[in-house]
């Protein structure tokens, strides 16, 4: 008489490895990122990038927690959609390469974006620059803390993806 064949779930092995990796990273005391990282190098002189001028009088504030009872709400989704299409680097789009850089944006009390930093790179410098340009095109209803309008830092992933029909 032959022994019955033993089966096991192939999907269980990767889940165990993933859980083990998370526990290992947590046990090693690896600090979680708490500040944005701007890994995007400056564009070369022969590449024109439209960026707002920065005043030498007051340095830009660093991203930080902003207490608020009402989060900012995007008011120009159609413009942002157009900016996503316009800013998507053609070479990456045509090659089917996408990504989702995570961007810190500072929303002033007027609802305008007055600063943006890449927090987590997509791995493609051109996508990271495009995400910053898209972030600067956004406008919001400003954040509120109680009944006081306040400026706020928010973190937003800006996703570039090729959509096929």
C-alpha atoms as a PDB file:
ATOM      1  CA  UNK A   1       0.000   0.000   0.000  1.00  0.00           C
ATOM      2  CA  UNK A   2       1.374   3.442  -0.908  1.00  0.00           C
ATOM      3  CA  UNK A   3       1.344   6.443   1.392  1.00  0.00           C
ATOM      4  CA  UNK A   4      -1.028   9.262   0.421  1.00  0.00           C
ATOM      5  CA  UNK A   5       0.639  12.227  -1.275  1.00  0.00           C
ATOM      6  CA  UNK A   6       1.235  15.185   1.023  1.00  0.00           C
ATOM      7  CA  UNK A   7       0.211  18.591  -0.212  1.00  0.00           C
ATOM      8  CA  UNK A   8       1.080  21.996   1.093  1.00  0.00           C
ATOM      9  CA  UNK A   9       0.211  25.493   0.148  1.00  0.00           C
ATOM     10  CA  UNK A  10       2.828  27.269  -1.912  1.00  0.00           C
ATOM     11  CA  UNK A  11       1.289  30.590  -0.900  1.00  0.00           C
ATOM     12  CA  UNK A  12       1.959  29.915   2.784  1.00  0.00           C
ATOM     13  CA  UNK A  13       5.736  29.942   2.287  1.00  0.00           C
ATOM     14  CA  UNK A  14       6.021  33.533   0.999  1.00  0.00           C
ATOM     15  CA  UNK A  15       3.669  34.765   3.728  1.00  0.00           C
ATOM     16  CA  UNK A  16       5.875  33.203   6.396  1.00  0.00           C
ATOM     17  CA  UNK A  17       8.968  34.731   4.812  1.00  0.00           C
ATOM     18  CA  UNK A  18       7.337  38.171   4.644  1.00  0.00           C
ATOM     19  CA  UNK A  19       6.188  37.997   8.268  1.00  0.00           C
ATOM     20  CA  UNK A  20       9.654  36.813   9.291  1.00  0.00           C
ATOM     21  CA  UNK A  21      11.267  39.704   7.428  1.00  0.00           C
ATOM     22  CA  UNK A  22       8.979  42.220   9.137  1.00  0.00           C
ATOM     23  CA  UNK A  23       9.737  40.744  12.546  1.00  0.00           C
ATOM     24  CA  UNK A  24      13.476  40.700  11.745  1.00  0.00           C
ATOM     25  CA  UNK A  25      13.473  44.381  10.703  1.00  0.00           C
ATOM     26  CA  UNK A  26      11.475  45.300  13.807  1.00  0.00           C
ATOM     27  CA  UNK A  27      13.800  43.306  16.066  1.00  0.00           C
ATOM     28  CA  UNK A  28      16.884  44.978  14.595  1.00  0.00           C
ATOM     29  CA  UNK A  29      15.660  48.366  15.764  1.00  0.00           C
ATOM     30  CA  UNK A  30      15.795  49.866  12.274  1.00  0.00           C
ATOM     31  CA  UNK A  31      14.354  53.369  12.606  1.00  0.00           C
ATOM     32  CA  UNK A  32      11.356  54.217  10.478  1.00  0.00           C
ATOM     33  CA  UNK A  33      11.743  57.293   8.261  1.00  0.00           C
ATOM     34  CA  UNK A  34      10.436  60.384  10.002  1.00  0.00           C
ATOM     35  CA  UNK A  35      11.604  63.085   7.627  1.00  0.00           C
ATOM     36  CA  UNK A  36      11.309  63.408   3.862  1.00  0.00           C
ATOM     37  CA  UNK A  37      14.229  62.378   1.741  1.00  0.00           C
ATOM     38  CA  UNK A  38      14.930  64.336  -1.399  1.00  0.00           C
ATOM     39  CA  UNK A  39      16.968  61.860  -3.435  1.00  0.00           C
ATOM     40  CA  UNK A  40      16.340  63.726  -6.652  1.00  0.00           C
ATOM     41  CA  UNK A  41      19.546  65.275  -7.929  1.00  0.00           C
ATOM     42  CA  UNK A  42      19.478  68.716  -9.463  1.00  0.00           C
ATOM     43  CA  UNK A  43      18.740  68.796 -13.200  1.00  0.00           C
ATOM     44  CA  UNK A  44      21.644  69.535 -15.476  1.00  0.00           C
ATOM     45  CA  UNK A  45      22.012  73.024 -16.906  1.00  0.00           C
ATOM     46  CA  UNK A  46      20.786  71.957 -20.355  1.00  0.00           C
ATOM     47  CA  UNK A  47      17.422  70.752 -18.998  1.00  0.00           C
ATOM     48  CA  UNK A  48      14.833  73.455 -18.418  1.00  0.00           C
ATOM     49  CA  UNK A  49      12.653  72.855 -15.366  1.00  0.00           C
ATOM     50  CA  UNK A  50       9.984  75.361 -14.387  1.00  0.00           C
ATOM     51  CA  UNK A  51      10.279  75.824 -10.643  1.00  0.00           C
ATOM     52  CA  UNK A  52       8.956  78.664  -8.552  1.00  0.00           C
ATOM     53  CA  UNK A  53      11.567  81.076  -7.294  1.00  0.00           C
ATOM     54  CA  UNK A  54      12.528  80.697  -3.666  1.00  0.00           C
ATOM     55  CA  UNK A  55      12.782  83.796  -1.542  1.00  0.00           C
ATOM     56  CA  UNK A  56      16.139  84.253   0.182  1.00  0.00           C
ATOM     57  CA  UNK A  57      14.401  86.014   3.072  1.00  0.00           C
ATOM     58  CA  UNK A  58      12.684  83.050   4.718  1.00  0.00           C
ATOM     59  CA  UNK A  59      13.795  79.432   4.401  1.00  0.00           C
ATOM     60  CA  UNK A  60      11.069  76.920   3.612  1.00  0.00           C
ATOM     61  CA  UNK A  61       9.723  75.123   6.683  1.00  0.00           C
ATOM     62  CA  UNK A  62      10.453  71.433   7.049  1.00  0.00           C
ATOM     63  CA  UNK A  63       7.574  68.943   6.958  1.00  0.00           C
ATOM     64  CA  UNK A  64       6.103  68.323  10.386  1.00  0.00           C
ATOM     65  CA  UNK A  65       2.898  67.144  12.037  1.00  0.00           C
ATOM     66  CA  UNK A  66       0.081  69.642  11.693  1.00  0.00           C
ATOM     67  CA  UNK A  67      -2.849  69.372  14.110  1.00  0.00           C
ATOM     68  CA  UNK A  68      -6.129  69.659  12.212  1.00  0.00           C
ATOM     69  CA  UNK A  69      -9.751  68.713  12.634  1.00  0.00           C
ATOM     70  CA  UNK A  70     -10.603  69.082   8.924  1.00  0.00           C
ATOM     71  CA  UNK A  71      -8.158  67.809   6.318  1.00  0.00           C
ATOM     72  CA  UNK A  72      -7.458  69.818   3.151  1.00  0.00           C
ATOM     73  CA  UNK A  73      -9.665  68.851   0.183  1.00  0.00           C
ATOM     74  CA  UNK A  74      -8.417  68.932  -3.424  1.00  0.00           C
ATOM     75  CA  UNK A  75     -10.466  71.431  -5.451  1.00  0.00           C
ATOM     76  CA  UNK A  76      -9.001  71.075  -8.947  1.00  0.00           C
ATOM     77  CA  UNK A  77      -9.012  67.348  -9.720  1.00  0.00           C
ATOM     78  CA  UNK A  78      -9.502  67.930 -13.469  1.00  0.00           C
ATOM     79  CA  UNK A  79      -6.448  70.226 -13.630  1.00  0.00           C
ATOM     80  CA  UNK A  80      -4.407  67.677 -11.665  1.00  0.00           C
ATOM     81  CA  UNK A  81      -5.510  64.925 -14.067  1.00  0.00           C
ATOM     82  CA  UNK A  82      -4.359  67.044 -17.006  1.00  0.00           C
ATOM     83  CA  UNK A  83      -1.058  67.751 -15.217  1.00  0.00           C
ATOM     84  CA  UNK A  84      -0.519  64.014 -14.655  1.00  0.00           C
ATOM     85  CA  UNK A  85      -0.890  63.394 -18.388  1.00  0.00           C
ATOM     86  CA  UNK A  86       1.260  66.381 -19.374  1.00  0.00           C
ATOM     87  CA  UNK A  87       4.053  65.724 -16.865  1.00  0.00           C
ATOM     88  CA  UNK A  88       4.378  61.930 -17.390  1.00  0.00           C
ATOM     89  CA  UNK A  89       7.816  61.606 -19.060  1.00  0.00           C
ATOM     90  CA  UNK A  90       7.128  60.335 -22.613  1.00  0.00           C
ATOM     91  CA  UNK A  91      10.067  57.911 -22.678  1.00  0.00           C
ATOM     92  CA  UNK A  92       8.915  56.201 -19.487  1.00  0.00           C
ATOM     93  CA  UNK A  93       5.256  56.255 -20.529  1.00  0.00           C
ATOM     94  CA  UNK A  94       6.038  54.740 -23.955  1.00  0.00           C
ATOM     95  CA  UNK A  95       8.134  52.026 -22.296  1.00  0.00           C
ATOM     96  CA  UNK A  96       5.243  51.189 -19.943  1.00  0.00           C
ATOM     97  CA  UNK A  97       7.218  52.266 -16.875  1.00  0.00           C
ATOM     98  CA  UNK A  98       5.276  53.815 -14.032  1.00  0.00           C
ATOM     99  CA  UNK A  99       5.778  54.589 -10.396  1.00  0.00           C
ATOM    100  CA  UNK A 100       4.313  56.376  -7.407  1.00  0.00           C
ATOM    101  CA  UNK A 101       6.665  58.778  -5.665  1.00  0.00           C
ATOM    102  CA  UNK A 102       5.380  59.906  -2.284  1.00  0.00           C
ATOM    103  CA  UNK A 103       5.472  63.680  -1.962  1.00  0.00           C
ATOM    104  CA  UNK A 104       5.237  65.953   1.076  1.00  0.00           C
ATOM    105  CA  UNK A 105       3.321  69.090   0.142  1.00  0.00           C
ATOM    106  CA  UNK A 106       2.766  72.212   2.180  1.00  0.00           C
ATOM    107  CA  UNK A 107      -0.670  73.762   1.777  1.00  0.00           C
ATOM    108  CA  UNK A 108      -0.883  77.414   2.746  1.00  0.00           C
ATOM    109  CA  UNK A 109      -3.915  78.956   4.442  1.00  0.00           C
ATOM    110  CA  UNK A 110      -5.015  80.133   0.982  1.00  0.00           C
ATOM    111  CA  UNK A 111      -5.171  76.509  -0.240  1.00  0.00           C
ATOM    112  CA  UNK A 112      -2.233  76.927  -2.612  1.00  0.00           C
ATOM    113  CA  UNK A 113       0.719  74.525  -2.541  1.00  0.00           C
ATOM    114  CA  UNK A 114       3.750  76.586  -1.621  1.00  0.00           C
ATOM    115  CA  UNK A 115       6.342  73.823  -1.102  1.00  0.00           C
ATOM    116  CA  UNK A 116       6.863  70.200  -2.125  1.00  0.00           C
ATOM    117  CA  UNK A 117       9.513  67.558  -1.354  1.00  0.00           C
ATOM    118  CA  UNK A 118       9.976  63.968  -2.495  1.00  0.00           C
ATOM    119  CA  UNK A 119       9.619  61.761   0.585  1.00  0.00           C
ATOM    120  CA  UNK A 120       9.918  58.382  -1.150  1.00  0.00           C
ATOM    121  CA  UNK A 121      11.407  58.133  -4.625  1.00  0.00           C
ATOM    122  CA  UNK A 122       9.797  56.113  -7.405  1.00  0.00           C
ATOM    123  CA  UNK A 123      13.264  54.980  -8.433  1.00  0.00           C
ATOM    124  CA  UNK A 124      13.124  57.195 -11.522  1.00  0.00           C
ATOM    125  CA  UNK A 125      14.404  60.752 -11.227  1.00  0.00           C
ATOM    126  CA  UNK A 126      12.181  61.942 -14.099  1.00  0.00           C
ATOM    127  CA  UNK A 127       9.030  60.594 -12.380  1.00  0.00           C
ATOM    128  CA  UNK A 128      10.041  62.235  -9.112  1.00  0.00           C
ATOM    129  CA  UNK A 129      10.441  65.635 -10.841  1.00  0.00           C
ATOM    130  CA  UNK A 130       7.124  65.140 -12.648  1.00  0.00           C
ATOM    131  CA  UNK A 131       5.399  64.354  -9.326  1.00  0.00           C
ATOM    132  CA  UNK A 132       6.717  67.609  -7.828  1.00  0.00           C
ATOM    133  CA  UNK A 133       5.338  69.535 -10.817  1.00  0.00           C
ATOM    134  CA  UNK A 134       1.947  67.830 -10.437  1.00  0.00           C
ATOM    135  CA  UNK A 135       1.932  68.602  -6.690  1.00  0.00           C
ATOM    136  CA  UNK A 136       2.579  72.286  -7.397  1.00  0.00           C
ATOM    137  CA  UNK A 137      -0.459  72.357  -9.722  1.00  0.00           C
ATOM    138  CA  UNK A 138      -2.797  71.280  -6.900  1.00  0.00           C
ATOM    139  CA  UNK A 139      -5.095  73.624  -4.995  1.00  0.00           C
ATOM    140  CA  UNK A 140      -7.101  72.770  -1.899  1.00  0.00           C
ATOM    141  CA  UNK A 141      -9.713  73.965   0.502  1.00  0.00           C
ATOM    142  CA  UNK A 142      -7.325  74.648   3.391  1.00  0.00           C
ATOM    143  CA  UNK A 143      -7.087  72.591   6.563  1.00  0.00           C
ATOM    144  CA  UNK A 144      -8.946  73.650   9.675  1.00  0.00           C
ATOM    145  CA  UNK A 145      -8.028  73.222  13.325  1.00  0.00           C
ATOM    146  CA  UNK A 146     -11.332  73.743  15.099  1.00  0.00           C
ATOM    147  CA  UNK A 147     -12.721  76.839  13.418  1.00  0.00           C
ATOM    148  CA  UNK A 148      -9.296  78.297  12.546  1.00  0.00           C
ATOM    149  CA  UNK A 149      -7.876  77.977   9.017  1.00  0.00           C
ATOM    150  CA  UNK A 150      -4.348  76.567   9.220  1.00  0.00           C
ATOM    151  CA  UNK A 151      -1.534  75.692   6.883  1.00  0.00           C
ATOM    152  CA  UNK A 152      -0.687  71.999   6.741  1.00  0.00           C
ATOM    153  CA  UNK A 153       1.843  69.451   5.550  1.00  0.00           C
ATOM    154  CA  UNK A 154       0.328  66.373   3.902  1.00  0.00           C
ATOM    155  CA  UNK A 155       1.882  63.321   2.301  1.00  0.00           C
ATOM    156  CA  UNK A 156       0.462  62.192  -1.050  1.00  0.00           C
ATOM    157  CA  UNK A 157       1.512  59.402  -3.413  1.00  0.00           C
ATOM    158  CA  UNK A 158       1.370  60.613  -7.015  1.00  0.00           C
ATOM    159  CA  UNK A 159       0.871  57.587  -9.256  1.00  0.00           C
ATOM    160  CA  UNK A 160       2.018  57.440 -12.865  1.00  0.00           C
ATOM    161  CA  UNK A 161       0.752  54.366 -14.682  1.00  0.00           C
ATOM    162  CA  UNK A 162       0.126  53.353 -18.274  1.00  0.00           C
ATOM    163  CA  UNK A 163      -3.551  52.558 -18.714  1.00  0.00           C
ATOM    164  CA  UNK A 164      -4.447  50.036 -21.402  1.00  0.00           C
ATOM    165  CA  UNK A 165      -7.938  49.650 -22.754  1.00  0.00           C
END
